[in-house]
């Protein structure tokens, strides 16, 4: 069976498809980078929220311990 000879037009089409595929990959990479940046921002915000909640929780526990100590002292309980 004889092979079909490749023409300049065939070669140009192959090159164009290669460039199109490369452009699609570059666009996908750019989108993934943008999503990655957004996740980084969300992580930072969640870390700040977590730290605020933990600090508030610690403060509340300390206040409750102080109140309990005062109640025990007034009741004469050790």
PDB file of N, CA and C in Angstrom:
ATOM      1  N   UNK A   1       0.850  -1.162   0.000  1.00  0.00           N
ATOM      2  CA  UNK A   1       0.000   0.000   0.000  1.00  0.00           C
ATOM      3  C   UNK A   1       0.905   1.237   0.000  1.00  0.00           C
ATOM      4  N   UNK A   2       0.605   2.152  -0.848  1.00  0.00           N
ATOM      5  CA  UNK A   2       1.430   3.352  -1.002  1.00  0.00           C
ATOM      6  C   UNK A   2       1.071   4.383   0.067  1.00  0.00           C
ATOM      7  N   UNK A   3       2.116   5.054   0.572  1.00  0.00           N
ATOM      8  CA  UNK A   3       1.899   6.112   1.558  1.00  0.00           C
ATOM      9  C   UNK A   3       1.507   7.388   0.844  1.00  0.00           C
ATOM     10  N   UNK A   4       0.638   8.160   1.483  1.00  0.00           N
ATOM     11  CA  UNK A   4       0.261   9.454   0.934  1.00  0.00           C
ATOM     12  C   UNK A   4       1.386  10.430   1.256  1.00  0.00           C
ATOM     13  N   UNK A   5       1.814  11.171   0.295  1.00  0.00           N
ATOM     14  CA  UNK A   5       2.887  12.142   0.497  1.00  0.00           C
ATOM     15  C   UNK A   5       2.359  13.308   1.319  1.00  0.00           C
ATOM     16  N   UNK A   6       3.188  13.775   2.252  1.00  0.00           N
ATOM     17  CA  UNK A   6       2.801  14.900   3.088  1.00  0.00           C
ATOM     18  C   UNK A   6       3.019  16.190   2.309  1.00  0.00           C
ATOM     19  N   UNK A   7       2.002  17.015   2.350  1.00  0.00           N
ATOM     20  CA  UNK A   7       2.100  18.299   1.662  1.00  0.00           C
ATOM     21  C   UNK A   7       2.453  19.385   2.677  1.00  0.00           C
ATOM     22  N   UNK A   8       2.794  20.543   2.160  1.00  0.00           N
ATOM     23  CA  UNK A   8       3.075  21.701   3.012  1.00  0.00           C
ATOM     24  C   UNK A   8       1.833  22.051   3.820  1.00  0.00           C
ATOM     25  N   UNK A   9       0.669  21.929   3.193  1.00  0.00           N
ATOM     26  CA  UNK A   9      -0.580  22.224   3.902  1.00  0.00           C
ATOM     27  C   UNK A   9      -0.797  21.244   5.060  1.00  0.00           C
ATOM     28  N   UNK A  10      -0.474  19.957   4.840  1.00  0.00           N
ATOM     29  CA  UNK A  10      -0.586  18.964   5.916  1.00  0.00           C
ATOM     30  C   UNK A  10       0.343  19.342   7.073  1.00  0.00           C
ATOM     31  N   UNK A  11       1.567  19.674   6.740  1.00  0.00           N
ATOM     32  CA  UNK A  11       2.548  20.047   7.739  1.00  0.00           C
ATOM     33  C   UNK A  11       2.117  21.317   8.484  1.00  0.00           C
ATOM     34  N   UNK A  12       1.600  22.290   7.771  1.00  0.00           N
ATOM     35  CA  UNK A  12       1.129  23.537   8.389  1.00  0.00           C
ATOM     36  C   UNK A  12      -0.024  23.251   9.351  1.00  0.00           C
ATOM     37  N   UNK A  13      -0.906  22.351   8.965  1.00  0.00           N
ATOM     38  CA  UNK A  13      -2.029  21.973   9.829  1.00  0.00           C
ATOM     39  C   UNK A  13      -1.539  21.304  11.105  1.00  0.00           C
ATOM     40  N   UNK A  14      -0.535  20.432  10.963  1.00  0.00           N
ATOM     41  CA  UNK A  14       0.027  19.755  12.127  1.00  0.00           C
ATOM     42  C   UNK A  14       0.665  20.765  13.088  1.00  0.00           C
ATOM     43  N   UNK A  15       1.402  21.711  12.536  1.00  0.00           N
ATOM     44  CA  UNK A  15       2.046  22.730  13.353  1.00  0.00           C
ATOM     45  C   UNK A  15       1.000  23.586  14.058  1.00  0.00           C
ATOM     46  N   UNK A  16      -0.056  23.971  13.336  1.00  0.00           N
ATOM     47  CA  UNK A  16      -1.126  24.783  13.928  1.00  0.00           C
ATOM     48  C   UNK A  16      -1.791  24.033  15.067  1.00  0.00           C
ATOM     49  N   UNK A  17      -2.101  22.761  14.878  1.00  0.00           N
ATOM     50  CA  UNK A  17      -2.725  21.974  15.953  1.00  0.00           C
ATOM     51  C   UNK A  17      -1.788  21.893  17.168  1.00  0.00           C
ATOM     52  N   UNK A  18      -0.503  21.764  16.917  1.00  0.00           N
ATOM     53  CA  UNK A  18       0.463  21.739  18.020  1.00  0.00           C
ATOM     54  C   UNK A  18       0.478  23.047  18.789  1.00  0.00           C
ATOM     55  N   UNK A  19       0.463  24.167  18.059  1.00  0.00           N
ATOM     56  CA  UNK A  19       0.426  25.476  18.721  1.00  0.00           C
ATOM     57  C   UNK A  19      -0.885  25.665  19.491  1.00  0.00           C
ATOM     58  N   UNK A  20      -1.995  25.237  18.892  1.00  0.00           N
ATOM     59  CA  UNK A  20      -3.289  25.357  19.572  1.00  0.00           C
ATOM     60  C   UNK A  20      -3.295  24.555  20.873  1.00  0.00           C
ATOM     61  N   UNK A  21      -2.754  23.350  20.824  1.00  0.00           N
ATOM     62  CA  UNK A  21      -2.701  22.500  22.020  1.00  0.00           C
ATOM     63  C   UNK A  21      -1.810  23.135  23.095  1.00  0.00           C
ATOM     64  N   UNK A  22      -0.686  23.707  22.685  1.00  0.00           N
ATOM     65  CA  UNK A  22       0.214  24.369  23.624  1.00  0.00           C
ATOM     66  C   UNK A  22      -0.477  25.573  24.261  1.00  0.00           C
ATOM     67  N   UNK A  23      -1.233  26.327  23.467  1.00  0.00           N
ATOM     68  CA  UNK A  23      -1.952  27.496  23.987  1.00  0.00           C
ATOM     69  C   UNK A  23      -3.009  27.061  25.001  1.00  0.00           C
ATOM     70  N   UNK A  24      -3.691  25.946  24.737  1.00  0.00           N
ATOM     71  CA  UNK A  24      -4.696  25.437  25.678  1.00  0.00           C
ATOM     72  C   UNK A  24      -4.037  25.048  26.998  1.00  0.00           C
ATOM     73  N   UNK A  25      -2.892  24.390  26.919  1.00  0.00           N
ATOM     74  CA  UNK A  25      -2.186  23.990  28.142  1.00  0.00           C
ATOM     75  C   UNK A  25      -1.721  25.209  28.929  1.00  0.00           C
ATOM     76  N   UNK A  26      -1.236  26.224  28.235  1.00  0.00           N
ATOM     77  CA  UNK A  26      -0.789  27.446  28.916  1.00  0.00           C
ATOM     78  C   UNK A  26      -1.957  28.129  29.616  1.00  0.00           C
ATOM     79  N   UNK A  27      -3.124  28.154  28.954  1.00  0.00           N
ATOM     80  CA  UNK A  27      -4.313  28.759  29.546  1.00  0.00           C
ATOM     81  C   UNK A  27      -4.754  27.973  30.782  1.00  0.00           C
ATOM     82  N   UNK A  28      -4.719  26.650  30.703  1.00  0.00           N
ATOM     83  CA  UNK A  28      -5.084  25.815  31.843  1.00  0.00           C
ATOM     84  C   UNK A  28      -4.123  26.050  33.007  1.00  0.00           C
ATOM     85  N   UNK A  29      -2.821  26.142  32.707  1.00  0.00           N
ATOM     86  CA  UNK A  29      -1.836  26.399  33.761  1.00  0.00           C
ATOM     87  C   UNK A  29      -2.093  27.742  34.439  1.00  0.00           C
ATOM     88  N   UNK A  30      -2.430  28.744  33.644  1.00  0.00           N
ATOM     89  CA  UNK A  30      -2.717  30.073  34.202  1.00  0.00           C
ATOM     90  C   UNK A  30      -3.937  30.010  35.115  1.00  0.00           C
ATOM     91  N   UNK A  31      -4.946  29.263  34.702  1.00  0.00           N
ATOM     92  CA  UNK A  31      -6.146  29.128  35.532  1.00  0.00           C
ATOM     93  C   UNK A  31      -5.838  28.396  36.829  1.00  0.00           C
ATOM     94  N   UNK A  32      -5.047  27.324  36.744  1.00  0.00           N
ATOM     95  CA  UNK A  32      -4.680  26.591  37.954  1.00  0.00           C
ATOM     96  C   UNK A  32      -3.874  27.475  38.901  1.00  0.00           C
ATOM     97  N   UNK A  33      -3.000  28.304  38.373  1.00  0.00           N
ATOM     98  CA  UNK A  33      -2.226  29.218  39.210  1.00  0.00           C
ATOM     99  C   UNK A  33      -3.146  30.210  39.913  1.00  0.00           C
ATOM    100  N   UNK A  34      -4.159  30.705  39.189  1.00  0.00           N
ATOM    101  CA  UNK A  34      -5.107  31.643  39.794  1.00  0.00           C
ATOM    102  C   UNK A  34      -5.892  30.962  40.914  1.00  0.00           C
ATOM    103  N   UNK A  35      -6.330  29.743  40.679  1.00  0.00           N
ATOM    104  CA  UNK A  35      -7.065  28.992  41.705  1.00  0.00           C
ATOM    105  C   UNK A  35      -6.154  28.729  42.904  1.00  0.00           C
ATOM    106  N   UNK A  36      -4.906  28.382  42.633  1.00  0.00           N
ATOM    107  CA  UNK A  36      -3.944  28.124  43.701  1.00  0.00           C
ATOM    108  C   UNK A  36      -3.739  29.367  44.567  1.00  0.00           C
ATOM    109  N   UNK A  37      -3.656  30.529  43.946  1.00  0.00           N
ATOM    110  CA  UNK A  37      -3.513  31.785  44.688  1.00  0.00           C
ATOM    111  C   UNK A  37      -4.736  32.043  45.560  1.00  0.00           C
ATOM    112  N   UNK A  38      -5.918  31.756  45.022  1.00  0.00           N
ATOM    113  CA  UNK A  38      -7.142  31.955  45.803  1.00  0.00           C
ATOM    114  C   UNK A  38      -7.161  31.028  47.013  1.00  0.00           C
ATOM    115  N   UNK A  39      -6.749  29.771  46.822  1.00  0.00           N
ATOM    116  CA  UNK A  39      -6.701  28.831  47.945  1.00  0.00           C
ATOM    117  C   UNK A  39      -5.701  29.295  49.000  1.00  0.00           C
ATOM    118  N   UNK A  40      -4.580  29.847  48.562  1.00  0.00           N
ATOM    119  CA  UNK A  40      -3.601  30.382  49.519  1.00  0.00           C
ATOM    120  C   UNK A  40      -4.227  31.492  50.359  1.00  0.00           C
ATOM    121  N   UNK A  41      -4.980  32.368  49.706  1.00  0.00           N
ATOM    122  CA  UNK A  41      -5.662  33.449  50.417  1.00  0.00           C
ATOM    123  C   UNK A  41      -6.691  32.918  51.399  1.00  0.00           C
ATOM    124  N   UNK A  42      -7.433  31.901  50.981  1.00  0.00           N
ATOM    125  CA  UNK A  42      -8.432  31.295  51.861  1.00  0.00           C
ATOM    126  C   UNK A  42      -7.752  30.640  53.057  1.00  0.00           C
ATOM    127  N   UNK A  43      -6.637  29.951  52.817  1.00  0.00           N
ATOM    128  CA  UNK A  43      -5.884  29.322  53.912  1.00  0.00           C
ATOM    129  C   UNK A  43      -5.440  30.363  54.934  1.00  0.00           C
ATOM    130  N   UNK A  44      -4.940  31.487  54.462  1.00  0.00           N
ATOM    131  CA  UNK A  44      -4.484  32.541  55.374  1.00  0.00           C
ATOM    132  C   UNK A  44      -5.644  33.088  56.203  1.00  0.00           C
ATOM    133  N   UNK A  45      -6.779  33.300  55.548  1.00  0.00           N
ATOM    134  CA  UNK A  45      -7.943  33.816  56.261  1.00  0.00           C
ATOM    135  C   UNK A  45      -8.437  32.816  57.303  1.00  0.00           C
ATOM    136  N   UNK A  46      -8.480  31.541  56.942  1.00  0.00           N
ATOM    137  CA  UNK A  46      -8.916  30.521  57.899  1.00  0.00           C
ATOM    138  C   UNK A  46      -7.952  30.411  59.076  1.00  0.00           C
ATOM    139  N   UNK A  47      -6.659  30.546  58.801  1.00  0.00           N
ATOM    140  CA  UNK A  47      -5.672  30.526  59.889  1.00  0.00           C
ATOM    141  C   UNK A  47      -5.912  31.678  60.864  1.00  0.00           C
ATOM    142  N   UNK A  48      -6.186  32.864  60.324  1.00  0.00           N
ATOM    143  CA  UNK A  48      -6.451  34.018  61.194  1.00  0.00           C
ATOM    144  C   UNK A  48      -7.707  33.786  62.031  1.00  0.00           C
ATOM    145  N   UNK A  49      -8.755  33.261  61.390  1.00  0.00           N
ATOM    146  CA  UNK A  49     -10.009  32.990  62.107  1.00  0.00           C
ATOM    147  C   UNK A  49      -9.768  31.957  63.198  1.00  0.00           C
ATOM    148  N   UNK A  50      -9.033  30.908  62.867  1.00  0.00           N
ATOM    149  CA  UNK A  50      -8.730  29.863  63.852  1.00  0.00           C
ATOM    150  C   UNK A  50      -7.975  30.447  65.049  1.00  0.00           C
ATOM    151  N   UNK A  51      -6.980  31.279  64.773  1.00  0.00           N
ATOM    152  CA  UNK A  51      -6.210  31.892  65.860  1.00  0.00           C
ATOM    153  C   UNK A  51      -7.081  32.793  66.735  1.00  0.00           C
ATOM    154  N   UNK A  52      -7.976  33.548  66.116  1.00  0.00           N
ATOM    155  CA  UNK A  52      -8.885  34.401  66.890  1.00  0.00           C
ATOM    156  C   UNK A  52      -9.802  33.567  67.772  1.00  0.00           C
ATOM    157  N   UNK A  53     -10.333  32.494  67.219  1.00  0.00           N
ATOM    158  CA  UNK A  53     -11.229  31.628  67.998  1.00  0.00           C
ATOM    159  C   UNK A  53     -10.492  30.945  69.144  1.00  0.00           C
ATOM    160  N   UNK A  54      -9.287  30.479  68.874  1.00  0.00           N
ATOM    161  CA  UNK A  54      -8.510  29.831  69.930  1.00  0.00           C
ATOM    162  C   UNK A  54      -8.167  30.805  71.046  1.00  0.00           C
ATOM    163  N   UNK A  55      -7.794  32.022  70.672  1.00  0.00           N
ATOM    164  CA  UNK A  55      -7.468  33.044  71.669  1.00  0.00           C
ATOM    165  C   UNK A  55      -8.700  33.374  72.509  1.00  0.00           C
ATOM    166  N   UNK A  56      -9.866  33.522  71.849  1.00  0.00           N
ATOM    167  CA  UNK A  56     -11.099  33.817  72.577  1.00  0.00           C
ATOM    168  C   UNK A  56     -11.463  32.657  73.506  1.00  0.00           C
ATOM    169  N   UNK A  57     -11.265  31.448  73.029  1.00  0.00           N
ATOM    170  CA  UNK A  57     -11.550  30.261  73.830  1.00  0.00           C
ATOM    171  C   UNK A  57     -10.636  30.224  75.063  1.00  0.00           C
ATOM    172  N   UNK A  58      -9.358  30.478  74.854  1.00  0.00           N
ATOM    173  CA  UNK A  58      -8.408  30.498  75.971  1.00  0.00           C
ATOM    174  C   UNK A  58      -8.784  31.573  76.992  1.00  0.00           C
ATOM    175  N   UNK A  59      -9.160  32.747  76.500  1.00  0.00           N
ATOM    176  CA  UNK A  59      -9.567  33.833  77.402  1.00  0.00           C
ATOM    177  C   UNK A  59     -10.797  33.435  78.207  1.00  0.00           C
ATOM    178  N   UNK A  60     -11.731  32.796  77.556  1.00  0.00           N
ATOM    179  CA  UNK A  60     -12.961  32.390  78.251  1.00  0.00           C
ATOM    180  C   UNK A  60     -12.662  31.341  79.325  1.00  0.00           C
ATOM    181  N   UNK A  61     -11.804  30.395  79.006  1.00  0.00           N
ATOM    182  CA  UNK A  61     -11.425  29.374  79.986  1.00  0.00           C
ATOM    183  C   UNK A  61     -10.736  30.026  81.183  1.00  0.00           C
ATOM    184  N   UNK A  62      -9.840  30.957  80.900  1.00  0.00           N
ATOM    185  CA  UNK A  62      -9.142  31.657  81.984  1.00  0.00           C
ATOM    186  C   UNK A  62     -10.134  32.402  82.876  1.00  0.00           C
ATOM    187  N   UNK A  63     -11.105  33.071  82.273  1.00  0.00           N
ATOM    188  CA  UNK A  63     -12.123  33.787  83.045  1.00  0.00           C
ATOM    189  C   UNK A  63     -12.948  32.819  83.891  1.00  0.00           C
ATOM    190  N   UNK A  64     -13.309  31.672  83.312  1.00  0.00           N
ATOM    191  CA  UNK A  64     -14.081  30.682  84.059  1.00  0.00           C
ATOM    192  C   UNK A  64     -13.270  30.102  85.218  1.00  0.00           C
ATOM    193  N   UNK A  65     -11.997  29.864  84.985  1.00  0.00           N
ATOM    194  CA  UNK A  65     -11.131  29.368  86.058  1.00  0.00           C
ATOM    195  C   UNK A  65     -11.020  30.391  87.192  1.00  0.00           C
ATOM    196  N   UNK A  66     -10.862  31.660  86.825  1.00  0.00           N
ATOM    197  CA  UNK A  66     -10.788  32.713  87.835  1.00  0.00           C
ATOM    198  C   UNK A  66     -12.090  32.785  88.630  1.00  0.00           C
ATOM    199  N   UNK A  67     -13.216  32.703  87.942  1.00  0.00           N
ATOM    200  CA  UNK A  67     -14.518  32.743  88.616  1.00  0.00           C
ATOM    201  C   UNK A  67     -14.680  31.543  89.541  1.00  0.00           C
ATOM    202  N   UNK A  68     -14.280  30.371  89.078  1.00  0.00           N
ATOM    203  CA  UNK A  68     -14.378  29.159  89.882  1.00  0.00           C
ATOM    204  C   UNK A  68     -13.506  29.271  91.128  1.00  0.00           C
ATOM    205  N   UNK A  69     -12.308  29.811  90.974  1.00  0.00           N
ATOM    206  CA  UNK A  69     -11.399  30.003  92.100  1.00  0.00           C
ATOM    207  C   UNK A  69     -12.052  30.923  93.137  1.00  0.00           C
ATOM    208  N   UNK A  70     -12.691  31.987  92.671  1.00  0.00           N
ATOM    209  CA  UNK A  70     -13.361  32.933  93.565  1.00  0.00           C
ATOM    210  C   UNK A  70     -14.516  32.253  94.300  1.00  0.00           C
ATOM    211  N   UNK A  71     -15.319  31.474  93.590  1.00  0.00           N
ATOM    212  CA  UNK A  71     -16.447  30.763  94.200  1.00  0.00           C
ATOM    213  C   UNK A  71     -15.930  29.774  95.248  1.00  0.00           C
ATOM    214  N   UNK A  72     -14.898  29.033  94.912  1.00  0.00           N
ATOM    215  CA  UNK A  72     -14.328  28.063  95.860  1.00  0.00           C
ATOM    216  C   UNK A  72     -13.793  28.759  97.106  1.00  0.00           C
ATOM    217  N   UNK A  73     -13.163  29.911  96.905  1.00  0.00           N
ATOM    218  CA  UNK A  73     -12.619  30.662  98.044  1.00  0.00           C
ATOM    219  C   UNK A  73     -13.762  31.119  98.948  1.00  0.00           C
ATOM    220  N   UNK A  74     -14.836  31.639  98.364  1.00  0.00           N
ATOM    221  CA  UNK A  74     -15.962  32.130  99.150  1.00  0.00           C
ATOM    222  C   UNK A  74     -16.669  30.991  99.878  1.00  0.00           C
ATOM    223  N   UNK A  75     -16.678  29.799  99.250  1.00  0.00           N
ATOM    224  CA  UNK A  75     -17.332  28.650  99.872  1.00  0.00           C
ATOM    225  C   UNK A  75     -16.401  27.920 100.823  1.00  0.00           C
ATOM    226  N   UNK A  76     -15.147  28.254 100.786  1.00  0.00           N
ATOM    227  CA  UNK A  76     -14.176  27.582 101.634  1.00  0.00           C
ATOM    228  C   UNK A  76     -13.830  26.192 101.131  1.00  0.00           C
ATOM    229  N   UNK A  77     -14.010  25.971  99.852  1.00  0.00           N
ATOM    230  CA  UNK A  77     -13.712  24.679  99.232  1.00  0.00           C
ATOM    231  C   UNK A  77     -12.361  24.771  98.552  1.00  0.00           C
ATOM    232  N   UNK A  78     -11.628  23.714  98.682  1.00  0.00           N
ATOM    233  CA  UNK A  78     -10.303  23.722  98.069  1.00  0.00           C
ATOM    234  C   UNK A  78     -10.273  23.142  96.710  1.00  0.00           C
TER     235      UNK A  78
END
